[in-house]
Amino acid sequence: MSEVTTINAQSILDKLKAKFGEEIFDSSEPYNLLTFSTTKESIVDVIKFLYEDQELKFTYLTDLCGIHYPDQELQLGVIYHLHSLTKNIRVRIKVFLPLTSPRIPTMTTVFPGANWMERETYDFFGIIFEGHPDLRRILNVDDMVAFPMRKEFPLEDPNRTDKNDEYFGR
């Protein structure tokens, strides 16, 4: 009789900590979704491990996106969502970067489909994916100098003259 192992958040975390130790940190499970952080130096190895592990098989990159927390020391971040289709379980991985040097290795070496997601993250947050085959803007105009999803710009143009704030109770 073969032994059936149950894959859950704790068993995934245990495997990761056994392999990567202190490089896996800030783990939690909001809404039953295993979430943890790692470093930019380890992210490719962590995701390759999750992808190649014969028990886990996280072979689907659901999403890759950027975030900006201006009040944190490491202000910018990249979030990866992976899905194991055979085990029907998901994980969220966070990597935080300094605003002065927002660089992280590309994930196109593991998931070729990360190409456009990384371009979009670069376009809106200015995060540079080192080794990306074609890192350029994808939705905004090429000569745009700002990264519009960063929280360092005002929500409205202060020079706007076509709007009367009295209509909006201001």
C-alpha atoms as a PDB file:
ATOM      1  CA  MET A   1       0.000   0.000   0.000  1.00  0.00           C
ATOM      2  CA  SER A   2       1.484   3.352  -1.040  1.00  0.00           C
ATOM      3  CA  GLU A   3       1.718   6.185   1.421  1.00  0.00           C
ATOM      4  CA  VAL A   4      -0.387   9.239   0.550  1.00  0.00           C
ATOM      5  CA  THR A   5       1.078  12.552   1.646  1.00  0.00           C
ATOM      6  CA  THR A   6      -1.075  15.570   2.200  1.00  0.00           C
ATOM      7  CA  ILE A   7       0.202  18.825   0.761  1.00  0.00           C
ATOM      8  CA  ASN A   8      -0.798  21.839   2.802  1.00  0.00           C
ATOM      9  CA  ALA A   9       0.668  25.234   3.606  1.00  0.00           C
ATOM     10  CA  GLN A  10       2.720  23.932   6.532  1.00  0.00           C
ATOM     11  CA  SER A  11       4.258  21.071   4.561  1.00  0.00           C
ATOM     12  CA  ILE A  12       5.209  23.460   1.741  1.00  0.00           C
ATOM     13  CA  LEU A  13       6.724  25.888   4.233  1.00  0.00           C
ATOM     14  CA  ASP A  14       8.620  23.052   5.937  1.00  0.00           C
ATOM     15  CA  LYS A  15      10.098  21.950   2.588  1.00  0.00           C
ATOM     16  CA  LEU A  16      11.106  25.495   1.734  1.00  0.00           C
ATOM     17  CA  LYS A  17      12.706  26.154   5.122  1.00  0.00           C
ATOM     18  CA  ALA A  18      14.583  22.844   4.954  1.00  0.00           C
ATOM     19  CA  LYS A  19      16.013  23.836   1.572  1.00  0.00           C
ATOM     20  CA  PHE A  20      16.487  27.614   1.979  1.00  0.00           C
ATOM     21  CA  GLY A  21      16.519  28.221   5.747  1.00  0.00           C
ATOM     22  CA  GLU A  22      16.556  31.898   6.715  1.00  0.00           C
ATOM     23  CA  GLU A  23      15.976  32.971   3.108  1.00  0.00           C
ATOM     24  CA  ILE A  24      12.268  32.202   3.695  1.00  0.00           C
ATOM     25  CA  PHE A  25      10.733  34.631   6.199  1.00  0.00           C
ATOM     26  CA  ASP A  26       7.574  36.582   7.147  1.00  0.00           C
ATOM     27  CA  SER A  27       5.315  33.622   6.468  1.00  0.00           C
ATOM     28  CA  SER A  28       1.587  33.857   7.108  1.00  0.00           C
ATOM     29  CA  GLU A  29      -1.615  32.374   5.763  1.00  0.00           C
ATOM     30  CA  PRO A  30      -4.189  35.119   5.112  1.00  0.00           C
ATOM     31  CA  TYR A  31      -7.404  33.725   3.624  1.00  0.00           C
ATOM     32  CA  ASN A  32      -5.819  30.236   3.532  1.00  0.00           C
ATOM     33  CA  LEU A  33      -3.151  31.398   1.066  1.00  0.00           C
ATOM     34  CA  LEU A  34       0.426  30.612   2.080  1.00  0.00           C
ATOM     35  CA  THR A  35       2.339  33.886   1.830  1.00  0.00           C
ATOM     36  CA  PHE A  36       6.041  34.353   2.510  1.00  0.00           C
ATOM     37  CA  SER A  37       8.914  36.648   1.630  1.00  0.00           C
ATOM     38  CA  THR A  38      12.358  35.939   0.271  1.00  0.00           C
ATOM     39  CA  THR A  39      15.274  37.954  -1.081  1.00  0.00           C
ATOM     40  CA  LYS A  40      15.959  39.036  -4.636  1.00  0.00           C
ATOM     41  CA  GLU A  41      19.085  36.881  -4.559  1.00  0.00           C
ATOM     42  CA  SER A  42      17.018  33.766  -3.765  1.00  0.00           C
ATOM     43  CA  ILE A  43      13.787  34.319  -5.711  1.00  0.00           C
ATOM     44  CA  VAL A  44      14.775  32.426  -8.861  1.00  0.00           C
ATOM     45  CA  ASP A  45      16.069  29.434  -6.877  1.00  0.00           C
ATOM     46  CA  VAL A  46      12.945  29.374  -4.669  1.00  0.00           C
ATOM     47  CA  ILE A  47      10.593  29.458  -7.644  1.00  0.00           C
ATOM     48  CA  LYS A  48      12.662  26.872  -9.557  1.00  0.00           C
ATOM     49  CA  PHE A  49      12.467  24.599  -6.512  1.00  0.00           C
ATOM     50  CA  LEU A  50       8.677  24.989  -6.297  1.00  0.00           C
ATOM     51  CA  TYR A  51       8.419  24.361 -10.046  1.00  0.00           C
ATOM     52  CA  GLU A  52      10.719  21.335 -10.225  1.00  0.00           C
ATOM     53  CA  ASP A  53       9.785  19.564  -6.969  1.00  0.00           C
ATOM     54  CA  GLN A  54       7.968  16.372  -8.015  1.00  0.00           C
ATOM     55  CA  GLU A  55       5.659  16.489  -5.024  1.00  0.00           C
ATOM     56  CA  LEU A  56       4.688  20.178  -5.210  1.00  0.00           C
ATOM     57  CA  LYS A  57       4.638  20.897  -8.978  1.00  0.00           C
ATOM     58  CA  PHE A  58       3.972  24.652  -8.899  1.00  0.00           C
ATOM     59  CA  THR A  59       4.012  24.841 -12.686  1.00  0.00           C
ATOM     60  CA  TYR A  60       1.656  27.762 -13.258  1.00  0.00           C
ATOM     61  CA  LEU A  61       2.560  31.416 -12.725  1.00  0.00           C
ATOM     62  CA  THR A  62      -0.845  32.945 -12.078  1.00  0.00           C
ATOM     63  CA  ASP A  63       0.352  36.505 -11.619  1.00  0.00           C
ATOM     64  CA  LEU A  64       3.367  38.721 -11.123  1.00  0.00           C
ATOM     65  CA  CYS A  65       2.882  42.341 -10.105  1.00  0.00           C
ATOM     66  CA  GLY A  66       4.512  45.275  -8.377  1.00  0.00           C
ATOM     67  CA  ILE A  67       3.638  47.105  -5.160  1.00  0.00           C
ATOM     68  CA  HIS A  68       4.763  50.370  -3.584  1.00  0.00           C
ATOM     69  CA  TYR A  69       4.816  51.026   0.159  1.00  0.00           C
ATOM     70  CA  PRO A  70       6.350  54.516   0.546  1.00  0.00           C
ATOM     71  CA  ASP A  71       6.484  54.265   4.359  1.00  0.00           C
ATOM     72  CA  GLN A  72       8.675  51.126   4.409  1.00  0.00           C
ATOM     73  CA  GLU A  73      12.473  50.995   4.194  1.00  0.00           C
ATOM     74  CA  LEU A  74      12.274  48.681   1.170  1.00  0.00           C
ATOM     75  CA  GLN A  75       9.531  50.529  -0.674  1.00  0.00           C
ATOM     76  CA  LEU A  76       9.012  48.582  -3.878  1.00  0.00           C
ATOM     77  CA  GLY A  77       8.119  44.948  -4.175  1.00  0.00           C
ATOM     78  CA  VAL A  78       7.305  42.180  -6.594  1.00  0.00           C
ATOM     79  CA  ILE A  79       4.611  39.643  -5.764  1.00  0.00           C
ATOM     80  CA  TYR A  80       4.446  36.239  -7.437  1.00  0.00           C
ATOM     81  CA  HIS A  81       1.376  33.970  -7.314  1.00  0.00           C
ATOM     82  CA  LEU A  82       2.034  30.323  -8.168  1.00  0.00           C
ATOM     83  CA  HIS A  83      -0.489  27.520  -8.549  1.00  0.00           C
ATOM     84  CA  SER A  84       0.043  23.773  -8.352  1.00  0.00           C
ATOM     85  CA  LEU A  85      -2.612  22.494 -10.732  1.00  0.00           C
ATOM     86  CA  THR A  86      -2.190  18.855  -9.671  1.00  0.00           C
ATOM     87  CA  LYS A  87      -2.450  19.631  -5.944  1.00  0.00           C
ATOM     88  CA  ASN A  88      -4.843  22.597  -6.322  1.00  0.00           C
ATOM     89  CA  ILE A  89      -2.911  24.794  -3.934  1.00  0.00           C
ATOM     90  CA  ARG A  90      -1.520  28.304  -4.334  1.00  0.00           C
ATOM     91  CA  VAL A  91       1.303  30.336  -2.823  1.00  0.00           C
ATOM     92  CA  ARG A  92       2.148  34.037  -2.752  1.00  0.00           C
ATOM     93  CA  ILE A  93       5.802  35.093  -2.682  1.00  0.00           C
ATOM     94  CA  LYS A  94       6.934  38.640  -1.901  1.00  0.00           C
ATOM     95  CA  VAL A  95      10.289  40.260  -2.585  1.00  0.00           C
ATOM     96  CA  PHE A  96      10.972  43.826  -1.443  1.00  0.00           C
ATOM     97  CA  LEU A  97      13.470  46.188  -3.082  1.00  0.00           C
ATOM     98  CA  PRO A  98      14.921  49.623  -2.319  1.00  0.00           C
ATOM     99  CA  LEU A  99      13.515  52.534  -4.324  1.00  0.00           C
ATOM    100  CA  THR A 100      17.067  53.615  -5.183  1.00  0.00           C
ATOM    101  CA  SER A 101      17.890  50.292  -6.890  1.00  0.00           C
ATOM    102  CA  PRO A 102      14.739  48.407  -7.903  1.00  0.00           C
ATOM    103  CA  ARG A 103      16.438  45.457  -9.594  1.00  0.00           C
ATOM    104  CA  ILE A 104      15.470  41.793  -9.503  1.00  0.00           C
ATOM    105  CA  PRO A 105      16.299  38.802 -11.743  1.00  0.00           C
ATOM    106  CA  THR A 106      13.841  37.976 -14.485  1.00  0.00           C
ATOM    107  CA  MET A 107      11.508  35.025 -14.048  1.00  0.00           C
ATOM    108  CA  THR A 108      11.323  34.399 -17.816  1.00  0.00           C
ATOM    109  CA  THR A 109      14.016  31.729 -17.353  1.00  0.00           C
ATOM    110  CA  VAL A 110      11.480  29.592 -15.469  1.00  0.00           C
ATOM    111  CA  PHE A 111       8.176  30.909 -16.838  1.00  0.00           C
ATOM    112  CA  PRO A 112       8.414  32.376 -20.365  1.00  0.00           C
ATOM    113  CA  GLY A 113       4.917  33.828 -19.802  1.00  0.00           C
ATOM    114  CA  ALA A 114       6.379  36.169 -17.169  1.00  0.00           C
ATOM    115  CA  ASN A 115       7.630  38.296 -20.064  1.00  0.00           C
ATOM    116  CA  TRP A 116       4.612  40.600 -20.393  1.00  0.00           C
ATOM    117  CA  MET A 117       3.883  40.663 -16.666  1.00  0.00           C
ATOM    118  CA  GLU A 118       7.430  41.863 -16.013  1.00  0.00           C
ATOM    119  CA  ARG A 119       7.142  44.470 -18.755  1.00  0.00           C
ATOM    120  CA  GLU A 120       3.921  45.768 -17.224  1.00  0.00           C
ATOM    121  CA  THR A 121       5.518  45.876 -13.752  1.00  0.00           C
ATOM    122  CA  TYR A 122       8.483  47.769 -15.180  1.00  0.00           C
ATOM    123  CA  ASP A 123       6.160  50.139 -17.037  1.00  0.00           C
ATOM    124  CA  PHE A 124       4.080  51.068 -13.989  1.00  0.00           C
ATOM    125  CA  PHE A 125       6.554  50.715 -11.087  1.00  0.00           C
ATOM    126  CA  GLY A 126      10.021  51.077 -12.655  1.00  0.00           C
ATOM    127  CA  ILE A 127      11.246  47.711 -11.372  1.00  0.00           C
ATOM    128  CA  ILE A 128      14.078  46.461 -13.587  1.00  0.00           C
ATOM    129  CA  PHE A 129      14.040  42.727 -14.316  1.00  0.00           C
ATOM    130  CA  GLU A 130      17.677  41.868 -15.011  1.00  0.00           C
ATOM    131  CA  GLY A 131      18.135  39.420 -17.872  1.00  0.00           C
ATOM    132  CA  HIS A 132      14.695  40.124 -19.360  1.00  0.00           C
ATOM    133  CA  PRO A 133      14.776  39.551 -23.137  1.00  0.00           C
ATOM    134  CA  ASP A 134      12.914  42.779 -24.070  1.00  0.00           C
ATOM    135  CA  LEU A 135      12.321  45.069 -21.082  1.00  0.00           C
ATOM    136  CA  ARG A 136      10.524  48.150 -22.416  1.00  0.00           C
ATOM    137  CA  ARG A 137       7.235  49.906 -21.778  1.00  0.00           C
ATOM    138  CA  ILE A 138       4.181  47.939 -22.780  1.00  0.00           C
ATOM    139  CA  LEU A 139       1.149  50.178 -22.055  1.00  0.00           C
ATOM    140  CA  ASN A 140       2.435  53.720 -21.475  1.00  0.00           C
ATOM    141  CA  VAL A 141       4.123  55.909 -24.074  1.00  0.00           C
ATOM    142  CA  ASP A 142       7.820  55.197 -24.613  1.00  0.00           C
ATOM    143  CA  ASP A 143       9.038  58.672 -23.644  1.00  0.00           C
ATOM    144  CA  MET A 144       7.170  58.759 -20.319  1.00  0.00           C
ATOM    145  CA  VAL A 145       9.570  59.555 -17.462  1.00  0.00           C
ATOM    146  CA  ALA A 146       7.307  58.671 -14.504  1.00  0.00           C
ATOM    147  CA  PHE A 147       6.050  55.353 -13.193  1.00  0.00           C
ATOM    148  CA  PRO A 148       2.327  56.003 -12.601  1.00  0.00           C
ATOM    149  CA  MET A 149       1.558  53.298 -10.011  1.00  0.00           C
ATOM    150  CA  ARG A 150       4.103  54.634  -7.541  1.00  0.00           C
ATOM    151  CA  LYS A 151       2.510  56.625  -4.752  1.00  0.00           C
ATOM    152  CA  GLU A 152       4.917  59.548  -5.104  1.00  0.00           C
ATOM    153  CA  PHE A 153       2.782  61.566  -7.488  1.00  0.00           C
ATOM    154  CA  PRO A 154      -0.427  63.509  -6.683  1.00  0.00           C
ATOM    155  CA  LEU A 155      -3.660  61.815  -7.677  1.00  0.00           C
ATOM    156  CA  GLU A 156      -4.837  64.908  -9.546  1.00  0.00           C
ATOM    157  CA  ASP A 157      -3.076  67.527 -11.603  1.00  0.00           C
ATOM    158  CA  PRO A 158      -2.787  70.653  -9.404  1.00  0.00           C
ATOM    159  CA  ASN A 159      -2.729  72.852 -12.540  1.00  0.00           C
ATOM    160  CA  ARG A 160      -6.093  71.664 -13.794  1.00  0.00           C
ATOM    161  CA  THR A 161      -8.505  74.526 -14.563  1.00  0.00           C
ATOM    162  CA  ASP A 162     -11.490  72.696 -16.049  1.00  0.00           C
ATOM    163  CA  LYS A 163     -12.871  71.478 -12.741  1.00  0.00           C
ATOM    164  CA  ASN A 164     -14.716  73.437 -10.073  1.00  0.00           C
ATOM    165  CA  ASP A 165     -13.990  71.820  -6.680  1.00  0.00           C
ATOM    166  CA  GLU A 166     -17.119  73.434  -5.191  1.00  0.00           C
ATOM    167  CA  TYR A 167     -19.189  70.862  -7.093  1.00  0.00           C
ATOM    168  CA  PHE A 168     -17.425  68.122  -5.167  1.00  0.00           C
ATOM    169  CA  GLY A 169     -17.776  69.633  -1.693  1.00  0.00           C
ATOM    170  CA  ARG A 170     -14.170  70.760  -1.478  1.00  0.00           C
END
